[in-house]
C-alpha atoms as a PDB file:
ATOM      1  CA  VAL A   1     -12.640   8.099 -29.965  1.00  0.00           C
ATOM      2  CA  LEU A   2     -14.348   5.348 -31.926  1.00  0.00           C
ATOM      3  CA  ASP A   3     -16.749   7.848 -33.486  1.00  0.00           C
ATOM      4  CA  THR A   4     -13.808   9.603 -35.143  1.00  0.00           C
ATOM      5  CA  VAL A   5     -12.761   6.243 -36.601  1.00  0.00           C
ATOM      6  CA  LEU A   6     -16.192   5.826 -38.182  1.00  0.00           C
ATOM      7  CA  LEU A   7     -16.031   9.311 -39.696  1.00  0.00           C
ATOM      8  CA  ARG A   8     -12.437   9.400 -40.987  1.00  0.00           C
ATOM      9  CA  PRO A   9     -12.305   9.879 -44.781  1.00  0.00           C
ATOM     10  CA  LYS A  10     -10.613   7.171 -46.809  1.00  0.00           C
ATOM     11  CA  GLU A  11      -6.900   7.681 -47.453  1.00  0.00           C
ATOM     12  CA  LYS A  12      -4.682   6.290 -50.191  1.00  0.00           C
ATOM     13  CA  ASN A  13      -3.164   3.681 -47.849  1.00  0.00           C
ATOM     14  CA  ASP A  14      -6.550   2.254 -46.830  1.00  0.00           C
ATOM     15  CA  VAL A  15      -7.830  -1.061 -48.203  1.00  0.00           C
ATOM     16  CA  GLU A  16     -10.343  -0.872 -51.048  1.00  0.00           C
ATOM     17  CA  TYR A  17     -13.211  -2.016 -48.810  1.00  0.00           C
ATOM     18  CA  TYR A  18     -12.453   0.567 -46.102  1.00  0.00           C
ATOM     19  CA  SER A  19     -15.440   2.796 -46.958  1.00  0.00           C
ATOM     20  CA  GLU A  20     -17.758  -0.210 -47.214  1.00  0.00           C
ATOM     21  CA  THR A  21     -16.700  -1.398 -43.753  1.00  0.00           C
ATOM     22  CA  GLN A  22     -16.993   2.063 -42.247  1.00  0.00           C
ATOM     23  CA  GLU A  23     -20.475   2.620 -43.683  1.00  0.00           C
ATOM     24  CA  LEU A  24     -21.683  -0.784 -42.497  1.00  0.00           C
ATOM     25  CA  LEU A  25     -20.379  -0.198 -38.977  1.00  0.00           C
ATOM     26  CA  ARG A  26     -21.758   3.316 -38.727  1.00  0.00           C
ATOM     27  CA  THR A  27     -25.254   2.873 -40.171  1.00  0.00           C
ATOM     28  CA  GLU A  28     -26.128  -0.792 -39.687  1.00  0.00           C
ATOM     29  CA  ILE A  29     -24.339  -1.804 -36.496  1.00  0.00           C
ATOM     30  CA  VAL A  30     -23.293   1.093 -34.234  1.00  0.00           C
ATOM     31  CA  ASN A  31     -26.345   3.341 -34.701  1.00  0.00           C
ATOM     32  CA  PRO A  32     -28.915   0.526 -34.266  1.00  0.00           C
ATOM     33  CA  LEU A  33     -27.061  -0.621 -31.152  1.00  0.00           C
ATOM     34  CA  ARG A  34     -27.246   2.854 -29.657  1.00  0.00           C
ATOM     35  CA  ILE A  35     -30.897   3.361 -30.555  1.00  0.00           C
ATOM     36  CA  TYR A  36     -32.390  -0.105 -30.038  1.00  0.00           C
ATOM     37  CA  GLY A  37     -29.696  -2.041 -28.161  1.00  0.00           C
ATOM     38  CA  TYR A  38     -29.928  -4.727 -30.848  1.00  0.00           C
ATOM     39  CA  VAL A  39     -28.327  -5.583 -34.197  1.00  0.00           C
ATOM     40  CA  CYS A  40     -29.721  -8.023 -36.737  1.00  0.00           C
ATOM     41  CA  ALA A  41     -27.569 -11.141 -37.293  1.00  0.00           C
ATOM     42  CA  THR A  42     -27.575 -10.515 -41.052  1.00  0.00           C
ATOM     43  CA  LYS A  43     -25.713  -7.234 -40.509  1.00  0.00           C
ATOM     44  CA  VAL A  44     -23.101  -8.964 -38.374  1.00  0.00           C
ATOM     45  CA  MET A  45     -22.688 -11.610 -41.072  1.00  0.00           C
ATOM     46  CA  LYS A  46     -22.078  -8.843 -43.626  1.00  0.00           C
ATOM     47  CA  LEU A  47     -19.254  -7.580 -41.424  1.00  0.00           C
ATOM     48  CA  ARG A  48     -17.860 -11.100 -41.054  1.00  0.00           C
ATOM     49  CA  LYS A  49     -17.765 -11.478 -44.843  1.00  0.00           C
ATOM     50  CA  ILE A  50     -15.824  -8.232 -45.158  1.00  0.00           C
ATOM     51  CA  LEU A  51     -13.328  -9.368 -42.526  1.00  0.00           C
ATOM     52  CA  GLU A  52     -12.670 -12.531 -44.526  1.00  0.00           C
ATOM     53  CA  LYS A  53     -11.330 -10.374 -47.356  1.00  0.00           C
ATOM     54  CA  VAL A  54      -8.264  -9.656 -45.237  1.00  0.00           C
ATOM     55  CA  GLU A  55      -5.408 -11.922 -46.267  1.00  0.00           C
ATOM     56  CA  ALA A  56      -4.550 -12.789 -42.661  1.00  0.00           C
ATOM     57  CA  ALA A  57      -8.159 -13.727 -41.808  1.00  0.00           C
ATOM     58  CA  SER A  58     -10.152 -16.901 -42.391  1.00  0.00           C
ATOM     59  CA  GLY A  59     -13.162 -18.691 -40.943  1.00  0.00           C
ATOM     60  CA  PHE A  60     -15.055 -15.560 -39.911  1.00  0.00           C
ATOM     61  CA  THR A  61     -18.287 -16.818 -41.497  1.00  0.00           C
ATOM     62  CA  SER A  62     -18.030 -20.407 -40.294  1.00  0.00           C
ATOM     63  CA  GLU A  63     -16.121 -20.504 -36.996  1.00  0.00           C
ATOM     64  CA  GLU A  64     -16.320 -19.008 -33.518  1.00  0.00           C
ATOM     65  CA  LYS A  65     -13.689 -16.274 -33.272  1.00  0.00           C
ATOM     66  CA  ASP A  66     -11.844 -14.865 -30.295  1.00  0.00           C
ATOM     67  CA  PRO A  67     -12.644 -11.153 -29.719  1.00  0.00           C
ATOM     68  CA  GLU A  68      -8.920 -10.349 -29.878  1.00  0.00           C
ATOM     69  CA  GLU A  69      -8.613 -11.774 -33.383  1.00  0.00           C
ATOM     70  CA  PHE A  70     -11.791  -9.979 -34.467  1.00  0.00           C
ATOM     71  CA  LEU A  71     -10.658  -6.580 -33.161  1.00  0.00           C
ATOM     72  CA  ASN A  72      -7.124  -6.933 -34.511  1.00  0.00           C
ATOM     73  CA  ILE A  73      -8.395  -7.633 -38.013  1.00  0.00           C
ATOM     74  CA  LEU A  74     -10.957  -4.824 -37.876  1.00  0.00           C
ATOM     75  CA  PHE A  75      -8.879  -2.148 -36.150  1.00  0.00           C
ATOM     76  CA  HIS A  76      -5.393  -2.937 -37.431  1.00  0.00           C
ATOM     77  CA  HIS A  77      -5.884  -4.293 -40.944  1.00  0.00           C
ATOM     78  CA  ILE A  78      -8.998  -2.424 -42.099  1.00  0.00           C
ATOM     79  CA  LEU A  79      -9.597   0.747 -40.068  1.00  0.00           C
ATOM     80  CA  ARG A  80      -5.900   1.341 -39.247  1.00  0.00           C
ATOM     81  CA  VAL A  81      -6.601   2.429 -35.684  1.00  0.00           C
ATOM     82  CA  GLU A  82      -3.658   3.121 -33.377  1.00  0.00           C
ATOM     83  CA  PRO A  83      -3.583   0.788 -30.318  1.00  0.00           C
ATOM     84  CA  LEU A  84      -5.969   2.107 -27.668  1.00  0.00           C
ATOM     85  CA  LEU A  85      -4.148   0.802 -24.594  1.00  0.00           C
ATOM     86  CA  LYS A  86      -0.596   0.925 -23.284  1.00  0.00           C
ATOM     87  CA  ILE A  87      -0.087  -1.568 -20.464  1.00  0.00           C
ATOM     88  CA  ARG A  88       3.084  -2.445 -18.578  1.00  0.00           C
ATOM     89  CA  SER A  89       3.891  -5.472 -16.471  1.00  0.00           C
ATOM     90  CA  ALA A  90       6.369  -4.793 -13.647  1.00  0.00           C
ATOM     91  CA  GLY A  91       9.853  -4.251 -15.064  1.00  0.00           C
ATOM     92  CA  GLN A  92       8.762  -4.985 -18.637  1.00  0.00           C
ATOM     93  CA  LYS A  93       8.346  -2.911 -21.783  1.00  0.00           C
ATOM     94  CA  VAL A  94       5.020  -1.247 -22.544  1.00  0.00           C
ATOM     95  CA  GLN A  95       2.643  -3.460 -24.525  1.00  0.00           C
ATOM     96  CA  ASP A  96       0.250  -1.884 -27.039  1.00  0.00           C
ATOM     97  CA  CYS A  97      -3.173  -3.469 -27.489  1.00  0.00           C
ATOM     98  CA  TYR A  98      -6.729  -2.708 -28.541  1.00  0.00           C
ATOM     99  CA  PHE A  99      -8.519  -4.187 -25.548  1.00  0.00           C
ATOM    100  CA  TYR A 100      -7.881  -5.861 -22.210  1.00  0.00           C
ATOM    101  CA  GLN A 101      -9.056  -9.356 -21.361  1.00  0.00           C
ATOM    102  CA  ILE A 102      -9.607  -9.961 -17.656  1.00  0.00           C
ATOM    103  CA  PHE A 103      -7.640 -12.938 -16.331  1.00  0.00           C
ATOM    104  CA  MET A 104      -8.130 -14.121 -12.772  1.00  0.00           C
ATOM    105  CA  ASP A 105      -8.630 -17.187 -10.606  1.00  0.00           C
ATOM    106  CA  LYS A 106     -12.107 -18.184  -9.543  1.00  0.00           C
ATOM    107  CA  ASN A 107     -13.037 -16.565  -6.226  1.00  0.00           C
ATOM    108  CA  GLU A 108     -15.795 -18.515  -4.493  1.00  0.00           C
ATOM    109  CA  LYS A 109     -16.348 -15.699  -1.970  1.00  0.00           C
ATOM    110  CA  VAL A 110     -17.536 -13.360  -4.692  1.00  0.00           C
ATOM    111  CA  GLY A 111     -21.202 -13.546  -5.595  1.00  0.00           C
ATOM    112  CA  VAL A 112     -21.867 -10.944  -8.268  1.00  0.00           C
ATOM    113  CA  PRO A 113     -18.705  -8.903  -8.916  1.00  0.00           C
ATOM    114  CA  THR A 114     -18.625  -5.471 -10.499  1.00  0.00           C
ATOM    115  CA  ILE A 115     -16.556  -4.702 -13.577  1.00  0.00           C
ATOM    116  CA  GLN A 116     -14.516  -2.313 -11.404  1.00  0.00           C
ATOM    117  CA  GLN A 117     -13.634  -5.179  -9.037  1.00  0.00           C
ATOM    118  CA  LEU A 118     -12.760  -7.571 -11.858  1.00  0.00           C
ATOM    119  CA  LEU A 119     -10.510  -5.043 -13.562  1.00  0.00           C
ATOM    120  CA  GLU A 120      -8.664  -4.268 -10.314  1.00  0.00           C
ATOM    121  CA  TRP A 121      -8.310  -7.943  -9.360  1.00  0.00           C
ATOM    122  CA  SER A 122      -6.933  -8.801 -12.780  1.00  0.00           C
ATOM    123  CA  PHE A 123      -4.404  -5.943 -12.795  1.00  0.00           C
ATOM    124  CA  ILE A 124      -3.252  -6.718  -9.247  1.00  0.00           C
ATOM    125  CA  ASN A 125      -2.938 -10.476  -9.803  1.00  0.00           C
ATOM    126  CA  SER A 126      -0.969  -9.901 -13.025  1.00  0.00           C
ATOM    127  CA  ASN A 127       1.049  -6.976 -11.591  1.00  0.00           C
ATOM    128  CA  LEU A 128      -0.032  -4.619 -14.385  1.00  0.00           C
ATOM    129  CA  LYS A 129      -0.434  -0.861 -14.710  1.00  0.00           C
ATOM    130  CA  PHE A 130      -1.667   1.430 -17.457  1.00  0.00           C
ATOM    131  CA  ALA A 131       1.368   3.285 -18.836  1.00  0.00           C
ATOM    132  CA  GLU A 132      -0.982   6.166 -19.667  1.00  0.00           C
ATOM    133  CA  ALA A 133      -4.677   6.944 -19.296  1.00  0.00           C
ATOM    134  CA  PRO A 134      -6.505   5.305 -22.227  1.00  0.00           C
ATOM    135  CA  SER A 135      -8.783   7.376 -24.430  1.00  0.00           C
ATOM    136  CA  CYS A 136     -10.999   4.312 -24.835  1.00  0.00           C
ATOM    137  CA  LEU A 137     -11.105   1.147 -22.716  1.00  0.00           C
ATOM    138  CA  ILE A 138     -12.553  -2.066 -24.166  1.00  0.00           C
ATOM    139  CA  ILE A 139     -12.706  -4.934 -21.665  1.00  0.00           C
ATOM    140  CA  GLN A 140     -13.457  -8.614 -22.232  1.00  0.00           C
ATOM    141  CA  MET A 141     -15.009 -10.404 -19.275  1.00  0.00           C
ATOM    142  CA  PRO A 142     -13.403 -13.624 -17.950  1.00  0.00           C
ATOM    143  CA  ARG A 143     -14.633 -16.563 -20.019  1.00  0.00           C
ATOM    144  CA  PHE A 144     -13.318 -19.455 -22.086  1.00  0.00           C
ATOM    145  CA  GLY A 145     -15.162 -20.200 -25.313  1.00  0.00           C
ATOM    146  CA  LYS A 146     -18.938 -20.156 -25.523  1.00  0.00           C
ATOM    147  CA  ASP A 147     -19.564 -22.764 -22.825  1.00  0.00           C
ATOM    148  CA  PHE A 148     -17.591 -21.715 -19.736  1.00  0.00           C
ATOM    149  CA  LYS A 149     -18.136 -18.408 -17.986  1.00  0.00           C
ATOM    150  CA  MET A 150     -16.373 -17.744 -14.684  1.00  0.00           C
ATOM    151  CA  PHE A 151     -19.322 -15.772 -13.244  1.00  0.00           C
ATOM    152  CA  ASN A 152     -22.990 -16.348 -13.977  1.00  0.00           C
ATOM    153  CA  LYS A 153     -23.663 -12.648 -13.438  1.00  0.00           C
ATOM    154  CA  ILE A 154     -21.540  -9.502 -13.489  1.00  0.00           C
ATOM    155  CA  PHE A 155     -22.807  -6.160 -12.217  1.00  0.00           C
ATOM    156  CA  PRO A 156     -21.971  -3.461 -14.790  1.00  0.00           C
ATOM    157  CA  SER A 157     -19.994  -0.444 -13.600  1.00  0.00           C
ATOM    158  CA  LEU A 158     -21.329   2.570 -15.480  1.00  0.00           C
ATOM    159  CA  GLU A 159     -18.136   4.429 -14.596  1.00  0.00           C
ATOM    160  CA  LEU A 160     -14.640   3.030 -14.071  1.00  0.00           C
ATOM    161  CA  ASN A 161     -12.055   4.689 -11.845  1.00  0.00           C
ATOM    162  CA  ILE A 162      -8.594   3.670 -13.069  1.00  0.00           C
ATOM    163  CA  THR A 163      -6.615   6.227 -11.031  1.00  0.00           C
ATOM    164  CA  ASP A 164      -5.038   3.515  -8.878  1.00  0.00           C
ATOM    165  CA  LEU A 165      -4.197   1.438 -11.961  1.00  0.00           C
ATOM    166  CA  LEU A 166      -2.060   4.152 -13.574  1.00  0.00           C
ATOM    167  CA  GLU A 167       1.694   4.054 -13.110  1.00  0.00           C
ATOM    168  CA  ASP A 168       3.651   7.135 -12.015  1.00  0.00           C
ATOM    169  CA  THR A 169       0.488   8.830 -10.725  1.00  0.00           C
ATOM    170  CA  PRO A 170      -0.082  10.332  -7.227  1.00  0.00           C
ATOM    171  CA  ARG A 171      -2.554   8.222  -5.248  1.00  0.00           C
ATOM    172  CA  GLN A 172      -4.535   8.645  -2.044  1.00  0.00           C
ATOM    173  CA  CYS A 173      -3.867   6.816   1.219  1.00  0.00           C
ATOM    174  CA  ARG A 174      -6.835   4.564   2.045  1.00  0.00           C
ATOM    175  CA  ILE A 175      -6.787   5.558   5.713  1.00  0.00           C
ATOM    176  CA  CYS A 176      -5.900   9.241   6.091  1.00  0.00           C
ATOM    177  CA  GLY A 177      -6.359  10.525   2.538  1.00  0.00           C
ATOM    178  CA  GLY A 178      -2.755  11.720   2.311  1.00  0.00           C
ATOM    179  CA  LEU A 179      -0.255  10.894  -0.411  1.00  0.00           C
ATOM    180  CA  ALA A 180       0.148   7.117  -0.676  1.00  0.00           C
ATOM    181  CA  VAL A 181       3.699   5.824  -1.043  1.00  0.00           C
ATOM    182  CA  TYR A 182       3.130   2.088  -0.504  1.00  0.00           C
ATOM    183  CA  GLU A 183       0.865  -0.454  -2.201  1.00  0.00           C
ATOM    184  CA  CYS A 184       0.186  -3.946  -0.873  1.00  0.00           C
ATOM    185  CA  ARG A 185      -1.011  -6.167  -3.706  1.00  0.00           C
ATOM    186  CA  GLU A 186      -1.189  -9.214  -1.431  1.00  0.00           C
ATOM    187  CA  CYS A 187      -3.580  -7.376   0.911  1.00  0.00           C
ATOM    188  CA  TYR A 188      -6.213  -6.650  -1.740  1.00  0.00           C
ATOM    189  CA  GLU A 189      -8.713  -9.277  -0.619  1.00  0.00           C
ATOM    190  CA  ASP A 190      -8.413  -8.426   3.095  1.00  0.00           C
ATOM    191  CA  SER A 191     -11.833  -7.124   4.137  1.00  0.00           C
ATOM    192  CA  ASP A 192     -10.634  -5.506   7.393  1.00  0.00           C
ATOM    193  CA  ILE A 193      -9.063  -2.533   5.595  1.00  0.00           C
ATOM    194  CA  SER A 194     -10.887  -0.574   2.881  1.00  0.00           C
ATOM    195  CA  SER A 195     -12.848  -3.596   1.711  1.00  0.00           C
ATOM    196  CA  GLY A 196     -12.999  -3.977  -2.057  1.00  0.00           C
ATOM    197  CA  LYS A 197     -10.337  -1.357  -2.753  1.00  0.00           C
ATOM    198  CA  ILE A 198      -6.645  -1.397  -3.635  1.00  0.00           C
ATOM    199  CA  LYS A 199      -4.617  -1.191  -0.423  1.00  0.00           C
ATOM    200  CA  GLN A 200      -2.312   1.835  -0.629  1.00  0.00           C
ATOM    201  CA  PHE A 201      -0.981   3.848   2.291  1.00  0.00           C
ATOM    202  CA  CYS A 202       1.218   6.760   3.301  1.00  0.00           C
ATOM    203  CA  LYS A 203       4.357   5.902   5.290  1.00  0.00           C
ATOM    204  CA  THR A 204       2.727   6.445   8.703  1.00  0.00           C
ATOM    205  CA  CYS A 205      -0.464   4.513   7.946  1.00  0.00           C
ATOM    206  CA  ASN A 206       1.501   1.677   6.349  1.00  0.00           C
ATOM    207  CA  THR A 207       3.406   1.233   9.628  1.00  0.00           C
ATOM    208  CA  GLN A 208       0.167   1.328  11.635  1.00  0.00           C
ATOM    209  CA  VAL A 209      -1.536  -1.191   9.362  1.00  0.00           C
ATOM    210  CA  ILE A 210       1.353  -3.629   9.753  1.00  0.00           C
ATOM    211  CA  PHE A 211       1.199  -3.231  13.555  1.00  0.00           C
ATOM    212  CA  PHE A 212      -2.567  -3.396  14.125  1.00  0.00           C
ATOM    213  CA  PHE A 213      -3.466  -6.016  11.512  1.00  0.00           C
ATOM    214  CA  SER A 214      -0.336  -8.185  11.788  1.00  0.00           C
ATOM    215  CA  LEU A 215       0.531  -7.757   8.120  1.00  0.00           C
ATOM    216  CA  SER A 216       4.283  -7.826   8.589  1.00  0.00           C
ATOM    217  CA  PHE A 217       4.516 -10.862   6.323  1.00  0.00           C
ATOM    218  CA  ARG A 218       3.011  -8.924   3.442  1.00  0.00           C
ATOM    219  CA  ASN A 219       5.229  -7.212   0.886  1.00  0.00           C
ATOM    220  CA  ALA A 220       4.194  -3.566   0.520  1.00  0.00           C
ATOM    221  CA  LEU A 221       5.845  -2.084  -2.560  1.00  0.00           C
ATOM    222  CA  LYS A 222       6.864   1.541  -2.858  1.00  0.00           C
ATOM    223  CA  ILE A 223       4.795   3.554  -5.338  1.00  0.00           C
ATOM    224  CA  SER A 224       6.641   5.565  -7.982  1.00  0.00           C
ATOM    225  CA  PHE A 225       5.244   8.884  -9.225  1.00  0.00           C
END
């Protein structure tokens, strides 16, 4: 998806420095990253100087910037990229965005979490679902500024399974593999049942789980699909 952005010809509605930005990203930032895993700071500073040309932007060459502000200026104002994500909070309208920042409380029981775990925890704690499968998923890890990071280490997930994070999508019962019709967000951290996975069950298994694990006080919500 992002490759097509770097190859799209300039159109009459694009800013005058569109081609300059595109060329810089393609040849001096993206390609070196893919080949060497490294980009020279001077190239990043060139991009920062271009971003400062946007009327709504300032301080890109002298201040620390939040990734959200950086991506909004680059994608929305310069490259004119359509929002990559459509996310809905329960009962709310769909929100369009370019990336998702993981928000969650510190969990002392977790040593080195995976990105898959962090994404699921964040969505469950915030009661969120993807309104549709994203063509590209950019995630910001939980941190605040340059000094505080919630986890010293995070284990990268080379693949992410977001099936259970999509709304209106058939899902699999964690116990029997049948069609799940209930999801228990409050049960997510229980290690007795499908440890480390979203707790979702068919009608029969949901009843059995409540009986055998004394989860009657938990609120299992019906899944729509």
